[in-house]
């Protein structure tokens, strides 16, 4: 059986690129952030929980000049605005946006309240659409 050669990190680089990854303090988002950091990108982390953010930043301490972050609840439009301002002031440009924020309330469909539905829509749908719109021009201008 023929095996694949090991991944050649010299072939792939994100050096000089900036990335915002939402939902990046645990799980898939954290793994994406770590991979981007290993490939040389500067990464801005965003998660809802300040303690989880601090732990993730500590785990990425060896990338201290490449990584920053903020604990924000992206279900709230004002906190999406704050994130946009933070990223813009940090780098003045953005090359990569990974919309990974998401949440769930586990219950039967008919048991959801209107407030819960609105929260899920704001978090899972509206935040991704809103951030994509806010960063559309910076992403286009970065090439």
C-alpha atoms as a PDB file:
ATOM      1  CA  UNK A   1       0.000   0.000   0.000  1.00  0.00           C
ATOM      2  CA  UNK A   2       1.350   3.402  -0.992  1.00  0.00           C
ATOM      3  CA  UNK A   3       1.375   6.024   1.765  1.00  0.00           C
ATOM      4  CA  UNK A   4       1.057   9.761   1.365  1.00  0.00           C
ATOM      5  CA  UNK A   5       4.174  11.839   1.990  1.00  0.00           C
ATOM      6  CA  UNK A   6       4.052  13.998   5.122  1.00  0.00           C
ATOM      7  CA  UNK A   7       2.444  17.413   4.792  1.00  0.00           C
ATOM      8  CA  UNK A   8       4.962  19.960   3.541  1.00  0.00           C
ATOM      9  CA  UNK A   9       4.544  23.100   5.679  1.00  0.00           C
ATOM     10  CA  UNK A  10       7.112  24.894   3.526  1.00  0.00           C
ATOM     11  CA  UNK A  11       4.707  24.740   0.613  1.00  0.00           C
ATOM     12  CA  UNK A  12       1.853  26.389   2.512  1.00  0.00           C
ATOM     13  CA  UNK A  13       2.175  29.627   4.397  1.00  0.00           C
ATOM     14  CA  UNK A  14      -0.129  32.229   5.843  1.00  0.00           C
ATOM     15  CA  UNK A  15       2.774  34.432   6.891  1.00  0.00           C
ATOM     16  CA  UNK A  16       1.776  38.077   6.768  1.00  0.00           C
ATOM     17  CA  UNK A  17      -1.942  37.237   6.657  1.00  0.00           C
ATOM     18  CA  UNK A  18      -4.446  38.313   9.296  1.00  0.00           C
ATOM     19  CA  UNK A  19      -7.401  36.171  10.353  1.00  0.00           C
ATOM     20  CA  UNK A  20     -10.454  36.668  12.534  1.00  0.00           C
ATOM     21  CA  UNK A  21     -11.908  33.398  13.784  1.00  0.00           C
ATOM     22  CA  UNK A  22     -15.153  33.583  15.739  1.00  0.00           C
ATOM     23  CA  UNK A  23     -15.980  30.819  18.177  1.00  0.00           C
ATOM     24  CA  UNK A  24     -12.261  30.120  18.405  1.00  0.00           C
ATOM     25  CA  UNK A  25     -11.679  29.455  22.088  1.00  0.00           C
ATOM     26  CA  UNK A  26     -12.552  25.755  21.938  1.00  0.00           C
ATOM     27  CA  UNK A  27     -13.408  22.930  19.582  1.00  0.00           C
ATOM     28  CA  UNK A  28     -13.161  23.316  15.817  1.00  0.00           C
ATOM     29  CA  UNK A  29     -12.536  27.077  16.002  1.00  0.00           C
ATOM     30  CA  UNK A  30      -9.584  26.602  18.337  1.00  0.00           C
ATOM     31  CA  UNK A  31      -8.141  23.910  16.046  1.00  0.00           C
ATOM     32  CA  UNK A  32      -8.487  26.235  13.040  1.00  0.00           C
ATOM     33  CA  UNK A  33      -6.779  29.031  14.982  1.00  0.00           C
ATOM     34  CA  UNK A  34      -3.902  26.759  15.963  1.00  0.00           C
ATOM     35  CA  UNK A  35      -3.397  25.610  12.373  1.00  0.00           C
ATOM     36  CA  UNK A  36      -3.435  29.207  11.097  1.00  0.00           C
ATOM     37  CA  UNK A  37      -0.903  30.211  13.767  1.00  0.00           C
ATOM     38  CA  UNK A  38       1.352  27.297  12.832  1.00  0.00           C
ATOM     39  CA  UNK A  39       1.199  28.452   9.212  1.00  0.00           C
ATOM     40  CA  UNK A  40       2.301  31.954  10.238  1.00  0.00           C
ATOM     41  CA  UNK A  41      -0.942  33.951  10.293  1.00  0.00           C
ATOM     42  CA  UNK A  42      -1.753  36.601  12.868  1.00  0.00           C
ATOM     43  CA  UNK A  43      -5.012  35.478  14.465  1.00  0.00           C
ATOM     44  CA  UNK A  44      -7.688  37.348  16.410  1.00  0.00           C
ATOM     45  CA  UNK A  45      -9.691  34.982  18.616  1.00  0.00           C
ATOM     46  CA  UNK A  46     -13.253  35.619  19.708  1.00  0.00           C
ATOM     47  CA  UNK A  47     -15.325  33.695  22.213  1.00  0.00           C
ATOM     48  CA  UNK A  48     -18.109  34.494  24.629  1.00  0.00           C
ATOM     49  CA  UNK A  49     -16.447  33.329  27.856  1.00  0.00           C
ATOM     50  CA  UNK A  50     -13.560  35.453  29.246  1.00  0.00           C
ATOM     51  CA  UNK A  51     -12.026  32.546  31.206  1.00  0.00           C
ATOM     52  CA  UNK A  52     -12.036  30.275  28.161  1.00  0.00           C
ATOM     53  CA  UNK A  53     -10.471  33.062  26.091  1.00  0.00           C
ATOM     54  CA  UNK A  54      -7.730  33.559  28.702  1.00  0.00           C
ATOM     55  CA  UNK A  55      -7.029  29.808  28.753  1.00  0.00           C
ATOM     56  CA  UNK A  56      -6.835  29.671  24.956  1.00  0.00           C
ATOM     57  CA  UNK A  57      -4.513  32.684  24.790  1.00  0.00           C
ATOM     58  CA  UNK A  58      -2.333  31.008  27.437  1.00  0.00           C
ATOM     59  CA  UNK A  59      -2.286  27.788  25.389  1.00  0.00           C
ATOM     60  CA  UNK A  60      -1.105  29.818  22.387  1.00  0.00           C
ATOM     61  CA  UNK A  61       1.505  31.757  24.405  1.00  0.00           C
ATOM     62  CA  UNK A  62       4.347  30.710  22.102  1.00  0.00           C
ATOM     63  CA  UNK A  63       2.580  32.725  19.362  1.00  0.00           C
ATOM     64  CA  UNK A  64       2.304  35.826  21.593  1.00  0.00           C
ATOM     65  CA  UNK A  65       3.072  38.344  18.839  1.00  0.00           C
ATOM     66  CA  UNK A  66       0.675  36.641  16.420  1.00  0.00           C
ATOM     67  CA  UNK A  67      -2.411  36.161  18.574  1.00  0.00           C
ATOM     68  CA  UNK A  68      -4.891  38.414  20.327  1.00  0.00           C
ATOM     69  CA  UNK A  69      -8.535  38.122  21.224  1.00  0.00           C
ATOM     70  CA  UNK A  70     -11.665  39.423  22.867  1.00  0.00           C
ATOM     71  CA  UNK A  71     -14.485  37.910  24.892  1.00  0.00           C
ATOM     72  CA  UNK A  72     -17.645  39.110  23.174  1.00  0.00           C
ATOM     73  CA  UNK A  73     -21.196  37.817  22.776  1.00  0.00           C
ATOM     74  CA  UNK A  74     -21.781  37.977  19.022  1.00  0.00           C
ATOM     75  CA  UNK A  75     -25.528  37.511  19.459  1.00  0.00           C
ATOM     76  CA  UNK A  76     -25.483  41.213  20.382  1.00  0.00           C
ATOM     77  CA  UNK A  77     -25.149  43.738  17.521  1.00  0.00           C
ATOM     78  CA  UNK A  78     -23.198  46.181  19.726  1.00  0.00           C
ATOM     79  CA  UNK A  79     -20.593  43.519  20.486  1.00  0.00           C
ATOM     80  CA  UNK A  80     -20.268  42.717  16.771  1.00  0.00           C
ATOM     81  CA  UNK A  81     -19.558  46.427  16.245  1.00  0.00           C
ATOM     82  CA  UNK A  82     -16.964  46.294  19.017  1.00  0.00           C
ATOM     83  CA  UNK A  83     -15.286  43.283  17.392  1.00  0.00           C
ATOM     84  CA  UNK A  84     -15.148  45.081  14.048  1.00  0.00           C
ATOM     85  CA  UNK A  85     -13.495  48.092  15.685  1.00  0.00           C
ATOM     86  CA  UNK A  86     -11.011  45.938  17.621  1.00  0.00           C
ATOM     87  CA  UNK A  87      -9.866  43.998  14.557  1.00  0.00           C
ATOM     88  CA  UNK A  88      -9.681  47.131  12.402  1.00  0.00           C
ATOM     89  CA  UNK A  89      -7.597  48.994  14.985  1.00  0.00           C
ATOM     90  CA  UNK A  90      -5.347  45.966  15.571  1.00  0.00           C
ATOM     91  CA  UNK A  91      -4.263  45.415  11.963  1.00  0.00           C
ATOM     92  CA  UNK A  92      -6.014  47.907   9.702  1.00  0.00           C
ATOM     93  CA  UNK A  93      -6.728  45.015   7.336  1.00  0.00           C
ATOM     94  CA  UNK A  94      -8.233  41.554   7.350  1.00  0.00           C
ATOM     95  CA  UNK A  95      -7.299  38.734   4.988  1.00  0.00           C
ATOM     96  CA  UNK A  96      -9.342  35.835   6.366  1.00  0.00           C
ATOM     97  CA  UNK A  97     -12.707  35.685   8.157  1.00  0.00           C
ATOM     98  CA  UNK A  98     -13.829  32.358   9.637  1.00  0.00           C
ATOM     99  CA  UNK A  99     -17.420  32.575  10.872  1.00  0.00           C
ATOM    100  CA  UNK A 100     -17.443  29.707  13.352  1.00  0.00           C
ATOM    101  CA  UNK A 101     -19.646  31.094  16.121  1.00  0.00           C
ATOM    102  CA  UNK A 102     -22.615  28.940  16.993  1.00  0.00           C
ATOM    103  CA  UNK A 103     -24.757  27.733  19.840  1.00  0.00           C
ATOM    104  CA  UNK A 104     -27.675  25.450  20.493  1.00  0.00           C
ATOM    105  CA  UNK A 105     -30.436  25.068  23.020  1.00  0.00           C
ATOM    106  CA  UNK A 106     -31.267  21.388  23.195  1.00  0.00           C
ATOM    107  CA  UNK A 107     -34.993  20.913  23.444  1.00  0.00           C
ATOM    108  CA  UNK A 108     -37.919  19.862  21.295  1.00  0.00           C
ATOM    109  CA  UNK A 109     -38.739  22.256  18.481  1.00  0.00           C
ATOM    110  CA  UNK A 110     -42.164  23.178  19.825  1.00  0.00           C
ATOM    111  CA  UNK A 111     -40.713  23.982  23.254  1.00  0.00           C
ATOM    112  CA  UNK A 112     -38.607  26.945  22.064  1.00  0.00           C
ATOM    113  CA  UNK A 113     -39.685  30.368  23.282  1.00  0.00           C
ATOM    114  CA  UNK A 114     -39.615  33.363  20.954  1.00  0.00           C
ATOM    115  CA  UNK A 115     -36.661  34.733  22.941  1.00  0.00           C
ATOM    116  CA  UNK A 116     -34.705  31.503  22.452  1.00  0.00           C
ATOM    117  CA  UNK A 117     -35.421  31.480  18.724  1.00  0.00           C
ATOM    118  CA  UNK A 118     -34.282  35.089  18.444  1.00  0.00           C
ATOM    119  CA  UNK A 119     -31.107  34.316  20.406  1.00  0.00           C
ATOM    120  CA  UNK A 120     -30.292  31.370  18.135  1.00  0.00           C
ATOM    121  CA  UNK A 121     -30.936  33.423  14.997  1.00  0.00           C
ATOM    122  CA  UNK A 122     -28.834  36.335  16.254  1.00  0.00           C
ATOM    123  CA  UNK A 123     -25.966  34.043  17.237  1.00  0.00           C
ATOM    124  CA  UNK A 124     -25.934  31.455  14.476  1.00  0.00           C
ATOM    125  CA  UNK A 125     -27.185  33.389  11.456  1.00  0.00           C
ATOM    126  CA  UNK A 126     -27.209  37.128  11.982  1.00  0.00           C
ATOM    127  CA  UNK A 127     -23.705  37.316  13.472  1.00  0.00           C
ATOM    128  CA  UNK A 128     -22.174  35.556  10.445  1.00  0.00           C
ATOM    129  CA  UNK A 129     -24.105  37.703   7.971  1.00  0.00           C
ATOM    130  CA  UNK A 130     -23.353  40.898   9.863  1.00  0.00           C
ATOM    131  CA  UNK A 131     -19.615  40.217  10.208  1.00  0.00           C
ATOM    132  CA  UNK A 132     -19.386  39.163   6.557  1.00  0.00           C
ATOM    133  CA  UNK A 133     -20.964  42.464   5.544  1.00  0.00           C
ATOM    134  CA  UNK A 134     -18.816  44.528   7.920  1.00  0.00           C
ATOM    135  CA  UNK A 135     -15.588  42.926   6.691  1.00  0.00           C
ATOM    136  CA  UNK A 136     -16.560  42.651   3.008  1.00  0.00           C
ATOM    137  CA  UNK A 137     -14.588  45.697   1.850  1.00  0.00           C
ATOM    138  CA  UNK A 138     -11.511  45.040   4.011  1.00  0.00           C
ATOM    139  CA  UNK A 139     -11.418  41.458   2.742  1.00  0.00           C
ATOM    140  CA  UNK A 140     -11.785  42.565  -0.886  1.00  0.00           C
ATOM    141  CA  UNK A 141      -9.127  45.250  -0.470  1.00  0.00           C
ATOM    142  CA  UNK A 142      -6.628  42.841   1.079  1.00  0.00           C
ATOM    143  CA  UNK A 143      -6.387  40.893  -2.155  1.00  0.00           C
END
